[in-house]
Amino acid sequence: MSMFRRSFIATCAGTALALSAGAVMAAGKEVKLGYALPQTSHYGAGANGWSQAIEKSLGGKFSFKQFPASALGGERELIEGLQLGTVEAAIVSTGALSNFVNEVGVVDIPFLFRDTAHARAVLDGKFGQDLLAKFQQRGLVALAWGEQGFRHLTNNKHAVKSVADMKGLKIRVTENPVHITAFRTLGASPTPMSWPEVISALQQGTIDGQENPISVLASTKLWEVQKHLTLTAHVYAPVVFIMSPSFWGGLSDAEKAAFTQGAKSGAAASRAFVDAVEKKGVEEAKSHGMQVVDKVDQAAFRTALEPAYQQYAKKFGQKTLDTIANVK
């Protein structure tokens, strides 16, 4: 091979490598972001808010690739992926998280929060921020609290108007010990199940119902597989914006600050989505034929849950519960 030809080939190869590297640089470093529901949901609103904030603040250095609708697996698999470093980012509910970070289960206690304003004040304040810091001990980097809203009950058996109506209902719950204890105490038959399995289980009658915020009901069109909706507002449901420690460790301090601020922007977007859907979601459910019980006697439910509250106080500490209750 002539010297000229070798030089020409080397130059072409170098140019190709440079172009390839330039293409990667232009696209930005990929950040895989997974979550359970469609991109049109509050999860998607949070994901869009997060990714847009990062791409704007860091000038295209990072490119988010979203995997909605459990494309990377259920929430347990997502969390494990974060720990292993196969997933860079995720937005997940506290349902599965309490199996990884035990302390987070406290926010799932029924009727713990007076209203949405109280819940947001707790999570955005010292208690909530201290709770996020505990995630690092479990191989996770938690950046912000987003929102799903208050959870309500749906089922195919009958209208639930009182505690007595709960008896024997097979209710899908998250893989969360706090939720399981609550529904068992109320006389229902709680069935832990990953979200990707829920719709088919409802269609097949394996379970009678489930419980989720209006944001989930609307984004997944649960009225197609459920007849009755009861606005129990029994548990406030946040989501957490989380990153993989291995990815986080490779970021500069400035990039970490940008990702944290971006997560807060995504959290705000998820809350705005929930605020909007809460107003119209119930009416949409009614328009699709769901029978809606607008109100239940929450005091009666709290009384029935007293044995569970004793367990929660023992597990999380009465002082912790009082701290949350006393936030204004």
C-alpha atoms as a PDB file:
ATOM      1  CA  MET A   1       0.000   0.000   0.000  1.00  0.00           C
ATOM      2  CA  SER A   2       1.417   3.390  -0.959  1.00  0.00           C
ATOM      3  CA  MET A   3       2.241   6.012   1.649  1.00  0.00           C
ATOM      4  CA  PHE A   4      -0.362   8.318   0.027  1.00  0.00           C
ATOM      5  CA  ARG A   5      -3.116   5.701   0.257  1.00  0.00           C
ATOM      6  CA  ARG A   6      -2.319   4.900   3.907  1.00  0.00           C
ATOM      7  CA  SER A   7      -2.389   8.591   4.725  1.00  0.00           C
ATOM      8  CA  PHE A   8      -5.678   9.053   2.853  1.00  0.00           C
ATOM      9  CA  ILE A   9      -7.346   6.134   4.676  1.00  0.00           C
ATOM     10  CA  ALA A  10      -6.092   7.365   8.060  1.00  0.00           C
ATOM     11  CA  THR A  11      -7.409  10.840   7.329  1.00  0.00           C
ATOM     12  CA  CYS A  12     -10.828   9.486   6.315  1.00  0.00           C
ATOM     13  CA  ALA A  13     -10.984   7.266   9.410  1.00  0.00           C
ATOM     14  CA  GLY A  14     -10.043  10.187  11.620  1.00  0.00           C
ATOM     15  CA  THR A  15     -12.671  12.372   9.982  1.00  0.00           C
ATOM     16  CA  ALA A  16     -15.322   9.662  10.449  1.00  0.00           C
ATOM     17  CA  LEU A  17     -14.427   9.299  14.118  1.00  0.00           C
ATOM     18  CA  ALA A  18     -14.544  13.034  14.594  1.00  0.00           C
ATOM     19  CA  LEU A  19     -17.947  13.245  12.908  1.00  0.00           C
ATOM     20  CA  SER A  20     -19.227  10.358  15.025  1.00  0.00           C
ATOM     21  CA  ALA A  21     -17.953  11.981  18.221  1.00  0.00           C
ATOM     22  CA  GLY A  22     -19.458  15.266  17.109  1.00  0.00           C
ATOM     23  CA  ALA A  23     -22.822  13.590  16.595  1.00  0.00           C
ATOM     24  CA  VAL A  24     -22.687  12.135  20.110  1.00  0.00           C
ATOM     25  CA  MET A  25     -21.680  15.516  21.522  1.00  0.00           C
ATOM     26  CA  ALA A  26     -24.502  17.197  19.612  1.00  0.00           C
ATOM     27  CA  ALA A  27     -27.063  14.725  20.914  1.00  0.00           C
ATOM     28  CA  GLY A  28     -25.805  15.064  24.486  1.00  0.00           C
ATOM     29  CA  LYS A  29     -25.122  12.327  27.003  1.00  0.00           C
ATOM     30  CA  GLU A  30     -28.189  10.084  27.201  1.00  0.00           C
ATOM     31  CA  VAL A  31     -30.222   9.994  30.390  1.00  0.00           C
ATOM     32  CA  LYS A  32     -32.718   7.126  30.459  1.00  0.00           C
ATOM     33  CA  LEU A  33     -35.772   8.251  32.432  1.00  0.00           C
ATOM     34  CA  GLY A  34     -38.387   5.633  33.332  1.00  0.00           C
ATOM     35  CA  TYR A  35     -41.850   5.850  34.909  1.00  0.00           C
ATOM     36  CA  ALA A  36     -45.029   3.789  35.211  1.00  0.00           C
ATOM     37  CA  LEU A  37     -47.752   5.686  33.332  1.00  0.00           C
ATOM     38  CA  PRO A  38     -48.235   7.181  29.830  1.00  0.00           C
ATOM     39  CA  GLN A  39     -46.401  10.325  28.788  1.00  0.00           C
ATOM     40  CA  THR A  40     -49.766  12.134  28.861  1.00  0.00           C
ATOM     41  CA  SER A  41     -49.970  11.582  32.648  1.00  0.00           C
ATOM     42  CA  HIS A  42     -48.694  13.600  35.610  1.00  0.00           C
ATOM     43  CA  TYR A  43     -45.572  11.421  35.441  1.00  0.00           C
ATOM     44  CA  GLY A  44     -45.063  12.576  31.867  1.00  0.00           C
ATOM     45  CA  ALA A  45     -45.636  16.198  32.863  1.00  0.00           C
ATOM     46  CA  GLY A  46     -42.951  15.820  35.517  1.00  0.00           C
ATOM     47  CA  ALA A  47     -40.584  14.082  33.106  1.00  0.00           C
ATOM     48  CA  ASN A  48     -41.051  16.794  30.481  1.00  0.00           C
ATOM     49  CA  GLY A  49     -40.513  19.544  33.035  1.00  0.00           C
ATOM     50  CA  TRP A  50     -37.324  17.886  34.295  1.00  0.00           C
ATOM     51  CA  SER A  51     -35.837  17.179  30.873  1.00  0.00           C
ATOM     52  CA  GLN A  52     -36.659  20.602  29.424  1.00  0.00           C
ATOM     53  CA  ALA A  53     -35.120  22.368  32.422  1.00  0.00           C
ATOM     54  CA  ILE A  54     -31.885  20.368  32.080  1.00  0.00           C
ATOM     55  CA  GLU A  55     -31.607  20.748  28.330  1.00  0.00           C
ATOM     56  CA  LYS A  56     -32.108  24.479  28.725  1.00  0.00           C
ATOM     57  CA  SER A  57     -29.789  25.065  31.677  1.00  0.00           C
ATOM     58  CA  LEU A  58     -26.957  22.817  30.472  1.00  0.00           C
ATOM     59  CA  GLY A  59     -27.118  23.706  26.803  1.00  0.00           C
ATOM     60  CA  GLY A  60     -27.720  20.237  25.369  1.00  0.00           C
ATOM     61  CA  LYS A  61     -24.937  18.455  27.291  1.00  0.00           C
ATOM     62  CA  PHE A  62     -27.523  15.844  28.301  1.00  0.00           C
ATOM     63  CA  SER A  63     -30.359  14.316  26.329  1.00  0.00           C
ATOM     64  CA  PHE A  64     -33.268  12.667  28.152  1.00  0.00           C
ATOM     65  CA  LYS A  65     -34.782   9.545  26.623  1.00  0.00           C
ATOM     66  CA  GLN A  66     -38.123   8.842  28.246  1.00  0.00           C
ATOM     67  CA  PHE A  67     -39.452   5.320  28.853  1.00  0.00           C
ATOM     68  CA  PRO A  68     -43.099   5.803  29.915  1.00  0.00           C
ATOM     69  CA  ALA A  69     -45.782   3.193  30.616  1.00  0.00           C
ATOM     70  CA  SER A  70     -43.455   0.782  32.460  1.00  0.00           C
ATOM     71  CA  ALA A  71     -41.334   0.262  29.338  1.00  0.00           C
ATOM     72  CA  LEU A  72     -38.352  -0.535  31.584  1.00  0.00           C
ATOM     73  CA  GLY A  73     -40.415  -2.672  33.972  1.00  0.00           C
ATOM     74  CA  GLY A  74     -42.486  -2.016  37.078  1.00  0.00           C
ATOM     75  CA  GLU A  75     -41.411   0.423  39.772  1.00  0.00           C
ATOM     76  CA  ARG A  76     -39.467  -2.191  41.730  1.00  0.00           C
ATOM     77  CA  GLU A  77     -37.449  -2.984  38.591  1.00  0.00           C
ATOM     78  CA  LEU A  78     -36.885   0.725  37.956  1.00  0.00           C
ATOM     79  CA  ILE A  79     -35.543   1.265  41.474  1.00  0.00           C
ATOM     80  CA  GLU A  80     -33.256  -1.747  41.163  1.00  0.00           C
ATOM     81  CA  GLY A  81     -32.071  -0.375  37.814  1.00  0.00           C
ATOM     82  CA  LEU A  82     -31.150   2.905  39.494  1.00  0.00           C
ATOM     83  CA  GLN A  83     -29.162   1.054  42.134  1.00  0.00           C
ATOM     84  CA  LEU A  84     -27.374  -1.021  39.488  1.00  0.00           C
ATOM     85  CA  GLY A  85     -26.750   1.964  37.214  1.00  0.00           C
ATOM     86  CA  THR A  86     -28.655   0.538  34.214  1.00  0.00           C
ATOM     87  CA  VAL A  87     -31.176   3.380  34.501  1.00  0.00           C
ATOM     88  CA  GLU A  88     -30.053   6.972  35.073  1.00  0.00           C
ATOM     89  CA  ALA A  89     -33.287   8.541  36.313  1.00  0.00           C
ATOM     90  CA  ALA A  90     -36.813   7.625  37.362  1.00  0.00           C
ATOM     91  CA  ILE A  91     -40.014   9.081  38.750  1.00  0.00           C
ATOM     92  CA  VAL A  92     -41.583   6.575  41.136  1.00  0.00           C
ATOM     93  CA  SER A  93     -44.341   6.418  43.722  1.00  0.00           C
ATOM     94  CA  THR A  94     -43.810   5.702  47.394  1.00  0.00           C
ATOM     95  CA  GLY A  95     -45.681   2.432  46.909  1.00  0.00           C
ATOM     96  CA  ALA A  96     -42.606   0.434  45.928  1.00  0.00           C
ATOM     97  CA  LEU A  97     -40.071   2.768  47.536  1.00  0.00           C
ATOM     98  CA  SER A  98     -40.953   1.826  51.098  1.00  0.00           C
ATOM     99  CA  ASN A  99     -39.435  -1.599  50.419  1.00  0.00           C
ATOM    100  CA  PHE A 100     -36.102   0.101  49.737  1.00  0.00           C
ATOM    101  CA  VAL A 101     -36.266   3.102  52.097  1.00  0.00           C
ATOM    102  CA  ASN A 102     -38.341   1.996  55.083  1.00  0.00           C
ATOM    103  CA  GLU A 103     -38.737   5.502  56.506  1.00  0.00           C
ATOM    104  CA  VAL A 104     -40.654   6.729  53.427  1.00  0.00           C
ATOM    105  CA  GLY A 105     -43.596   4.516  54.387  1.00  0.00           C
ATOM    106  CA  VAL A 106     -44.704   7.106  56.945  1.00  0.00           C
ATOM    107  CA  VAL A 107     -46.170   9.375  54.242  1.00  0.00           C
ATOM    108  CA  ASP A 108     -48.509   6.546  53.181  1.00  0.00           C
ATOM    109  CA  ILE A 109     -50.391   6.457  56.481  1.00  0.00           C
ATOM    110  CA  PRO A 110     -54.135   7.004  55.856  1.00  0.00           C
ATOM    111  CA  PHE A 111     -55.518  10.443  56.694  1.00  0.00           C
ATOM    112  CA  LEU A 112     -52.066  11.631  57.797  1.00  0.00           C
ATOM    113  CA  PHE A 113     -52.347  14.903  55.884  1.00  0.00           C
ATOM    114  CA  ARG A 114     -55.160  17.384  56.385  1.00  0.00           C
ATOM    115  CA  ASP A 115     -55.172  18.492  52.742  1.00  0.00           C
ATOM    116  CA  THR A 116     -52.886  19.072  49.749  1.00  0.00           C
ATOM    117  CA  ALA A 117     -51.428  22.292  51.182  1.00  0.00           C
ATOM    118  CA  HIS A 118     -50.451  20.476  54.381  1.00  0.00           C
ATOM    119  CA  ALA A 119     -48.829  17.602  52.458  1.00  0.00           C
ATOM    120  CA  ARG A 120     -46.794  19.948  50.275  1.00  0.00           C
ATOM    121  CA  ALA A 121     -45.684  21.983  53.295  1.00  0.00           C
ATOM    122  CA  VAL A 122     -44.442  18.822  55.043  1.00  0.00           C
ATOM    123  CA  LEU A 123     -42.584  17.448  52.011  1.00  0.00           C
ATOM    124  CA  ASP A 124     -41.052  20.773  50.968  1.00  0.00           C
ATOM    125  CA  GLY A 125     -40.031  21.552  54.559  1.00  0.00           C
ATOM    126  CA  LYS A 126     -37.362  20.102  56.813  1.00  0.00           C
ATOM    127  CA  PHE A 127     -39.111  16.775  57.381  1.00  0.00           C
ATOM    128  CA  GLY A 128     -39.496  16.035  53.671  1.00  0.00           C
ATOM    129  CA  GLN A 129     -35.984  17.149  52.779  1.00  0.00           C
ATOM    130  CA  ASP A 130     -34.472  15.070  55.592  1.00  0.00           C
ATOM    131  CA  LEU A 131     -36.439  12.096  54.268  1.00  0.00           C
ATOM    132  CA  LEU A 132     -34.993  12.582  50.769  1.00  0.00           C
ATOM    133  CA  ALA A 133     -31.489  12.532  52.264  1.00  0.00           C
ATOM    134  CA  LYS A 134     -32.112   9.040  53.706  1.00  0.00           C
ATOM    135  CA  PHE A 135     -32.308   7.611  50.174  1.00  0.00           C
ATOM    136  CA  GLN A 136     -28.521   7.810  49.787  1.00  0.00           C
ATOM    137  CA  GLN A 137     -28.122   5.114  52.459  1.00  0.00           C
ATOM    138  CA  ARG A 138     -30.074   2.791  50.131  1.00  0.00           C
ATOM    139  CA  GLY A 139     -28.084   3.469  46.967  1.00  0.00           C
ATOM    140  CA  LEU A 140     -30.422   6.124  45.551  1.00  0.00           C
ATOM    141  CA  VAL A 141     -30.198   9.887  44.998  1.00  0.00           C
ATOM    142  CA  ALA A 142     -33.591  11.521  45.641  1.00  0.00           C
ATOM    143  CA  LEU A 143     -33.919  15.112  44.437  1.00  0.00           C
ATOM    144  CA  ALA A 144     -37.534  16.291  44.772  1.00  0.00           C
ATOM    145  CA  TRP A 145     -41.100  15.405  45.778  1.00  0.00           C
ATOM    146  CA  GLY A 146     -43.646  15.471  42.981  1.00  0.00           C
ATOM    147  CA  GLU A 147     -47.301  14.570  43.235  1.00  0.00           C
ATOM    148  CA  GLN A 148     -50.118  12.228  42.258  1.00  0.00           C
ATOM    149  CA  GLY A 149     -52.811  13.596  44.560  1.00  0.00           C
ATOM    150  CA  PHE A 150     -55.059  11.934  47.129  1.00  0.00           C
ATOM    151  CA  ARG A 151     -55.904   8.288  46.544  1.00  0.00           C
ATOM    152  CA  HIS A 152     -59.516   7.162  46.060  1.00  0.00           C
ATOM    153  CA  LEU A 153     -61.191   3.761  45.791  1.00  0.00           C
ATOM    154  CA  THR A 154     -62.688   2.118  42.691  1.00  0.00           C
ATOM    155  CA  ASN A 155     -64.302  -1.313  42.359  1.00  0.00           C
ATOM    156  CA  ASN A 156     -66.710  -3.436  40.304  1.00  0.00           C
ATOM    157  CA  LYS A 157     -68.787  -4.981  43.107  1.00  0.00           C
ATOM    158  CA  HIS A 158     -70.855  -2.200  44.689  1.00  0.00           C
ATOM    159  CA  ALA A 159     -70.834   1.410  45.812  1.00  0.00           C
ATOM    160  CA  VAL A 160     -68.648   1.913  48.889  1.00  0.00           C
ATOM    161  CA  LYS A 161     -70.358   4.377  51.213  1.00  0.00           C
ATOM    162  CA  SER A 162     -69.176   3.148  54.613  1.00  0.00           C
ATOM    163  CA  VAL A 163     -66.518   1.019  56.286  1.00  0.00           C
ATOM    164  CA  ALA A 164     -68.929  -1.943  56.225  1.00  0.00           C
ATOM    165  CA  ASP A 165     -68.930  -1.832  52.410  1.00  0.00           C
ATOM    166  CA  MET A 166     -65.194  -2.586  52.393  1.00  0.00           C
ATOM    167  CA  LYS A 167     -65.630  -6.083  53.790  1.00  0.00           C
ATOM    168  CA  GLY A 168     -64.260  -8.798  51.535  1.00  0.00           C
ATOM    169  CA  LEU A 169     -63.403  -6.560  48.580  1.00  0.00           C
ATOM    170  CA  LYS A 170     -60.290  -7.744  46.752  1.00  0.00           C
ATOM    171  CA  ILE A 171     -58.419  -4.469  46.356  1.00  0.00           C
ATOM    172  CA  ARG A 172     -55.143  -4.138  44.493  1.00  0.00           C
ATOM    173  CA  VAL A 173     -52.695  -2.179  46.597  1.00  0.00           C
ATOM    174  CA  THR A 174     -49.111  -1.166  45.957  1.00  0.00           C
ATOM    175  CA  GLU A 175     -46.354  -3.392  47.287  1.00  0.00           C
ATOM    176  CA  ASN A 176     -46.417  -1.320  50.452  1.00  0.00           C
ATOM    177  CA  PRO A 177     -46.767  -2.672  54.010  1.00  0.00           C
ATOM    178  CA  VAL A 178     -48.521   0.498  55.245  1.00  0.00           C
ATOM    179  CA  HIS A 179     -51.250   0.224  52.590  1.00  0.00           C
ATOM    180  CA  ILE A 180     -51.642  -3.517  53.136  1.00  0.00           C
ATOM    181  CA  THR A 181     -52.123  -3.032  56.885  1.00  0.00           C
ATOM    182  CA  ALA A 182     -54.695  -0.274  56.322  1.00  0.00           C
ATOM    183  CA  PHE A 183     -56.932  -2.220  53.939  1.00  0.00           C
ATOM    184  CA  ARG A 184     -56.725  -5.410  55.961  1.00  0.00           C
ATOM    185  CA  THR A 185     -57.772  -3.441  59.064  1.00  0.00           C
ATOM    186  CA  LEU A 186     -60.759  -2.030  57.142  1.00  0.00           C
ATOM    187  CA  GLY A 187     -61.944  -5.568  56.337  1.00  0.00           C
ATOM    188  CA  ALA A 188     -60.899  -5.664  52.695  1.00  0.00           C
ATOM    189  CA  SER A 189     -58.647  -8.259  51.096  1.00  0.00           C
ATOM    190  CA  PRO A 190     -55.580  -6.278  49.971  1.00  0.00           C
ATOM    191  CA  THR A 191     -53.727  -7.766  47.000  1.00  0.00           C
ATOM    192  CA  PRO A 192     -50.225  -6.374  46.354  1.00  0.00           C
ATOM    193  CA  MET A 193     -49.598  -6.099  42.626  1.00  0.00           C
ATOM    194  CA  SER A 194     -47.245  -4.290  40.259  1.00  0.00           C
ATOM    195  CA  TRP A 195     -49.053  -1.675  38.148  1.00  0.00           C
ATOM    196  CA  PRO A 196     -48.439  -3.327  34.724  1.00  0.00           C
ATOM    197  CA  GLU A 197     -50.615  -6.260  35.876  1.00  0.00           C
ATOM    198  CA  VAL A 198     -53.546  -4.243  37.228  1.00  0.00           C
ATOM    199  CA  ILE A 199     -55.719  -3.546  34.178  1.00  0.00           C
ATOM    200  CA  SER A 200     -55.770  -7.171  33.022  1.00  0.00           C
ATOM    201  CA  ALA A 201     -56.477  -8.331  36.597  1.00  0.00           C
ATOM    202  CA  LEU A 202     -59.479  -5.990  36.753  1.00  0.00           C
ATOM    203  CA  GLN A 203     -60.705  -7.195  33.352  1.00  0.00           C
ATOM    204  CA  GLN A 204     -60.401 -10.838  34.377  1.00  0.00           C
ATOM    205  CA  GLY A 205     -61.997 -10.294  37.793  1.00  0.00           C
ATOM    206  CA  THR A 206     -58.911 -11.484  39.666  1.00  0.00           C
ATOM    207  CA  ILE A 207     -59.373  -8.379  41.807  1.00  0.00           C
ATOM    208  CA  ASP A 208     -62.490  -6.301  42.454  1.00  0.00           C
ATOM    209  CA  GLY A 209     -60.902  -2.891  42.585  1.00  0.00           C
ATOM    210  CA  GLN A 210     -57.922  -0.681  43.175  1.00  0.00           C
ATOM    211  CA  GLU A 211     -57.079   2.663  44.775  1.00  0.00           C
ATOM    212  CA  ASN A 212     -55.306   5.565  43.120  1.00  0.00           C
ATOM    213  CA  PRO A 213     -55.522   9.326  42.662  1.00  0.00           C
ATOM    214  CA  ILE A 214     -57.797  10.909  40.059  1.00  0.00           C
ATOM    215  CA  SER A 215     -54.674  11.704  38.011  1.00  0.00           C
ATOM    216  CA  VAL A 216     -54.076   7.956  37.551  1.00  0.00           C
ATOM    217  CA  LEU A 217     -57.750   7.177  36.967  1.00  0.00           C
ATOM    218  CA  ALA A 218     -57.950   9.762  34.178  1.00  0.00           C
ATOM    219  CA  SER A 219     -54.630   9.028  32.464  1.00  0.00           C
ATOM    220  CA  THR A 220     -55.291   5.274  32.347  1.00  0.00           C
ATOM    221  CA  LYS A 221     -59.055   5.550  31.635  1.00  0.00           C
ATOM    222  CA  LEU A 222     -59.921   3.276  34.543  1.00  0.00           C
ATOM    223  CA  TRP A 223     -63.621   3.804  33.806  1.00  0.00           C
ATOM    224  CA  GLU A 224     -63.165   1.246  31.023  1.00  0.00           C
ATOM    225  CA  VAL A 225     -62.612  -1.499  33.635  1.00  0.00           C
ATOM    226  CA  GLN A 226     -64.257  -0.099  36.820  1.00  0.00           C
ATOM    227  CA  LYS A 227     -67.877   0.754  37.653  1.00  0.00           C
ATOM    228  CA  HIS A 228     -67.736   2.476  41.054  1.00  0.00           C
ATOM    229  CA  LEU A 229     -65.628   5.373  42.320  1.00  0.00           C
ATOM    230  CA  THR A 230     -65.639   6.493  45.955  1.00  0.00           C
ATOM    231  CA  LEU A 231     -63.853   9.738  46.802  1.00  0.00           C
ATOM    232  CA  THR A 232     -62.299   8.451  50.002  1.00  0.00           C
ATOM    233  CA  ALA A 233     -59.163  10.664  49.822  1.00  0.00           C
ATOM    234  CA  HIS A 234     -57.654   8.142  52.215  1.00  0.00           C
ATOM    235  CA  VAL A 235     -53.953   8.613  51.406  1.00  0.00           C
ATOM    236  CA  TYR A 236     -51.916  11.445  49.890  1.00  0.00           C
ATOM    237  CA  ALA A 237     -49.676  10.074  47.144  1.00  0.00           C
ATOM    238  CA  PRO A 238     -46.415  11.793  46.257  1.00  0.00           C
ATOM    239  CA  VAL A 239     -43.832  10.718  43.691  1.00  0.00           C
ATOM    240  CA  VAL A 240     -40.069  11.045  43.983  1.00  0.00           C
ATOM    241  CA  PHE A 241     -37.596  12.225  41.336  1.00  0.00           C
ATOM    242  CA  ILE A 242     -34.590   9.925  41.701  1.00  0.00           C
ATOM    243  CA  MET A 243     -31.213   9.392  40.052  1.00  0.00           C
ATOM    244  CA  SER A 244     -28.690   6.573  39.926  1.00  0.00           C
ATOM    245  CA  PRO A 245     -25.705   7.114  42.267  1.00  0.00           C
ATOM    246  CA  SER A 246     -23.279   5.905  39.577  1.00  0.00           C
ATOM    247  CA  PHE A 247     -24.545   8.533  37.118  1.00  0.00           C
ATOM    248  CA  TRP A 248     -24.774  11.201  39.820  1.00  0.00           C
ATOM    249  CA  GLY A 249     -21.192  10.554  40.866  1.00  0.00           C
ATOM    250  CA  GLY A 250     -19.957  11.454  37.391  1.00  0.00           C
ATOM    251  CA  LEU A 251     -21.559  14.908  37.420  1.00  0.00           C
ATOM    252  CA  SER A 252     -19.804  18.141  38.319  1.00  0.00           C
ATOM    253  CA  ASP A 253     -21.144  20.251  41.187  1.00  0.00           C
ATOM    254  CA  ALA A 254     -22.701  22.654  38.678  1.00  0.00           C
ATOM    255  CA  GLU A 255     -24.389  19.776  36.836  1.00  0.00           C
ATOM    256  CA  LYS A 256     -25.678  18.305  40.107  1.00  0.00           C
ATOM    257  CA  ALA A 257     -27.184  21.683  40.984  1.00  0.00           C
ATOM    258  CA  ALA A 258     -28.834  21.842  37.553  1.00  0.00           C
ATOM    259  CA  PHE A 259     -30.281  18.326  37.828  1.00  0.00           C
ATOM    260  CA  THR A 260     -31.626  19.116  41.296  1.00  0.00           C
ATOM    261  CA  GLN A 261     -33.238  22.343  40.152  1.00  0.00           C
ATOM    262  CA  GLY A 262     -34.567  20.561  37.068  1.00  0.00           C
ATOM    263  CA  ALA A 263     -36.154  17.898  39.264  1.00  0.00           C
ATOM    264  CA  LYS A 264     -37.852  20.639  41.284  1.00  0.00           C
ATOM    265  CA  SER A 265     -39.190  22.114  38.044  1.00  0.00           C
ATOM    266  CA  GLY A 266     -40.498  18.675  37.080  1.00  0.00           C
ATOM    267  CA  ALA A 267     -42.074  18.272  40.521  1.00  0.00           C
ATOM    268  CA  ALA A 268     -43.861  21.605  40.139  1.00  0.00           C
ATOM    269  CA  ALA A 269     -45.121  20.503  36.712  1.00  0.00           C
ATOM    270  CA  SER A 270     -46.523  17.269  38.158  1.00  0.00           C
ATOM    271  CA  ARG A 271     -48.331  19.234  40.872  1.00  0.00           C
ATOM    272  CA  ALA A 272     -49.786  21.653  38.327  1.00  0.00           C
ATOM    273  CA  PHE A 273     -51.034  18.688  36.272  1.00  0.00           C
ATOM    274  CA  VAL A 274     -52.693  17.167  39.365  1.00  0.00           C
ATOM    275  CA  ASP A 275     -54.326  20.478  40.296  1.00  0.00           C
ATOM    276  CA  ALA A 276     -55.859  20.677  36.818  1.00  0.00           C
ATOM    277  CA  VAL A 277     -57.006  17.048  36.548  1.00  0.00           C
ATOM    278  CA  GLU A 278     -58.555  16.977  40.032  1.00  0.00           C
ATOM    279  CA  LYS A 279     -61.075  19.546  38.848  1.00  0.00           C
ATOM    280  CA  LYS A 280     -62.131  17.741  35.679  1.00  0.00           C
ATOM    281  CA  GLY A 281     -61.247  14.060  36.244  1.00  0.00           C
ATOM    282  CA  VAL A 282     -64.280  13.169  38.369  1.00  0.00           C
ATOM    283  CA  GLU A 283     -66.671  14.746  35.873  1.00  0.00           C
ATOM    284  CA  GLU A 284     -64.942  12.838  33.088  1.00  0.00           C
ATOM    285  CA  ALA A 285     -65.376   9.597  35.040  1.00  0.00           C
ATOM    286  CA  LYS A 286     -69.085  10.331  35.494  1.00  0.00           C
ATOM    287  CA  SER A 287     -69.464  11.078  31.776  1.00  0.00           C
ATOM    288  CA  HIS A 288     -68.086   7.608  31.028  1.00  0.00           C
ATOM    289  CA  GLY A 289     -70.662   5.940  33.264  1.00  0.00           C
ATOM    290  CA  MET A 290     -68.849   5.531  36.568  1.00  0.00           C
ATOM    291  CA  GLN A 291     -71.090   5.673  39.615  1.00  0.00           C
ATOM    292  CA  VAL A 292     -69.496   8.158  42.021  1.00  0.00           C
ATOM    293  CA  VAL A 293     -69.866   8.427  45.801  1.00  0.00           C
ATOM    294  CA  ASP A 294     -68.760  11.997  46.428  1.00  0.00           C
ATOM    295  CA  LYS A 295     -68.139  11.785  50.161  1.00  0.00           C
ATOM    296  CA  VAL A 296     -67.570   9.306  52.971  1.00  0.00           C
ATOM    297  CA  ASP A 297     -67.477   9.707  56.732  1.00  0.00           C
ATOM    298  CA  GLN A 298     -63.704   9.965  57.151  1.00  0.00           C
ATOM    299  CA  ALA A 299     -64.037  10.028  60.948  1.00  0.00           C
ATOM    300  CA  ALA A 300     -65.631   6.570  60.815  1.00  0.00           C
ATOM    301  CA  PHE A 301     -62.767   5.296  58.666  1.00  0.00           C
ATOM    302  CA  ARG A 302     -60.213   6.743  61.104  1.00  0.00           C
ATOM    303  CA  THR A 303     -61.961   5.038  64.010  1.00  0.00           C
ATOM    304  CA  ALA A 304     -61.912   1.701  62.166  1.00  0.00           C
ATOM    305  CA  LEU A 305     -58.192   2.201  61.471  1.00  0.00           C
ATOM    306  CA  GLU A 306     -57.251   2.714  65.131  1.00  0.00           C
ATOM    307  CA  PRO A 307     -55.536  -0.717  65.430  1.00  0.00           C
ATOM    308  CA  ALA A 308     -53.462   0.157  62.352  1.00  0.00           C
ATOM    309  CA  TYR A 309     -52.526   3.563  63.794  1.00  0.00           C
ATOM    310  CA  GLN A 310     -51.130   1.809  66.857  1.00  0.00           C
ATOM    311  CA  GLN A 311     -48.908  -0.266  64.572  1.00  0.00           C
ATOM    312  CA  TYR A 312     -47.800   2.827  62.632  1.00  0.00           C
ATOM    313  CA  ALA A 313     -46.894   4.670  65.846  1.00  0.00           C
ATOM    314  CA  LYS A 314     -44.827   1.700  66.959  1.00  0.00           C
ATOM    315  CA  LYS A 315     -43.067   1.447  63.586  1.00  0.00           C
ATOM    316  CA  PHE A 316     -42.391   5.113  62.810  1.00  0.00           C
ATOM    317  CA  GLY A 317     -42.603   6.669  66.261  1.00  0.00           C
ATOM    318  CA  GLN A 318     -45.436   8.765  67.676  1.00  0.00           C
ATOM    319  CA  LYS A 319     -43.075  11.756  67.743  1.00  0.00           C
ATOM    320  CA  THR A 320     -42.671  11.511  63.952  1.00  0.00           C
ATOM    321  CA  LEU A 321     -46.436  11.413  63.426  1.00  0.00           C
ATOM    322  CA  ASP A 322     -46.871  14.398  65.752  1.00  0.00           C
ATOM    323  CA  THR A 323     -44.160  16.339  63.893  1.00  0.00           C
ATOM    324  CA  ILE A 324     -46.054  15.889  60.639  1.00  0.00           C
ATOM    325  CA  ALA A 325     -49.405  16.764  62.206  1.00  0.00           C
ATOM    326  CA  ASN A 326     -48.009  19.961  63.701  1.00  0.00           C
ATOM    327  CA  VAL A 327     -46.745  21.410  60.401  1.00  0.00           C
ATOM    328  CA  LYS A 328     -48.878  24.432  59.551  1.00  0.00           C
END
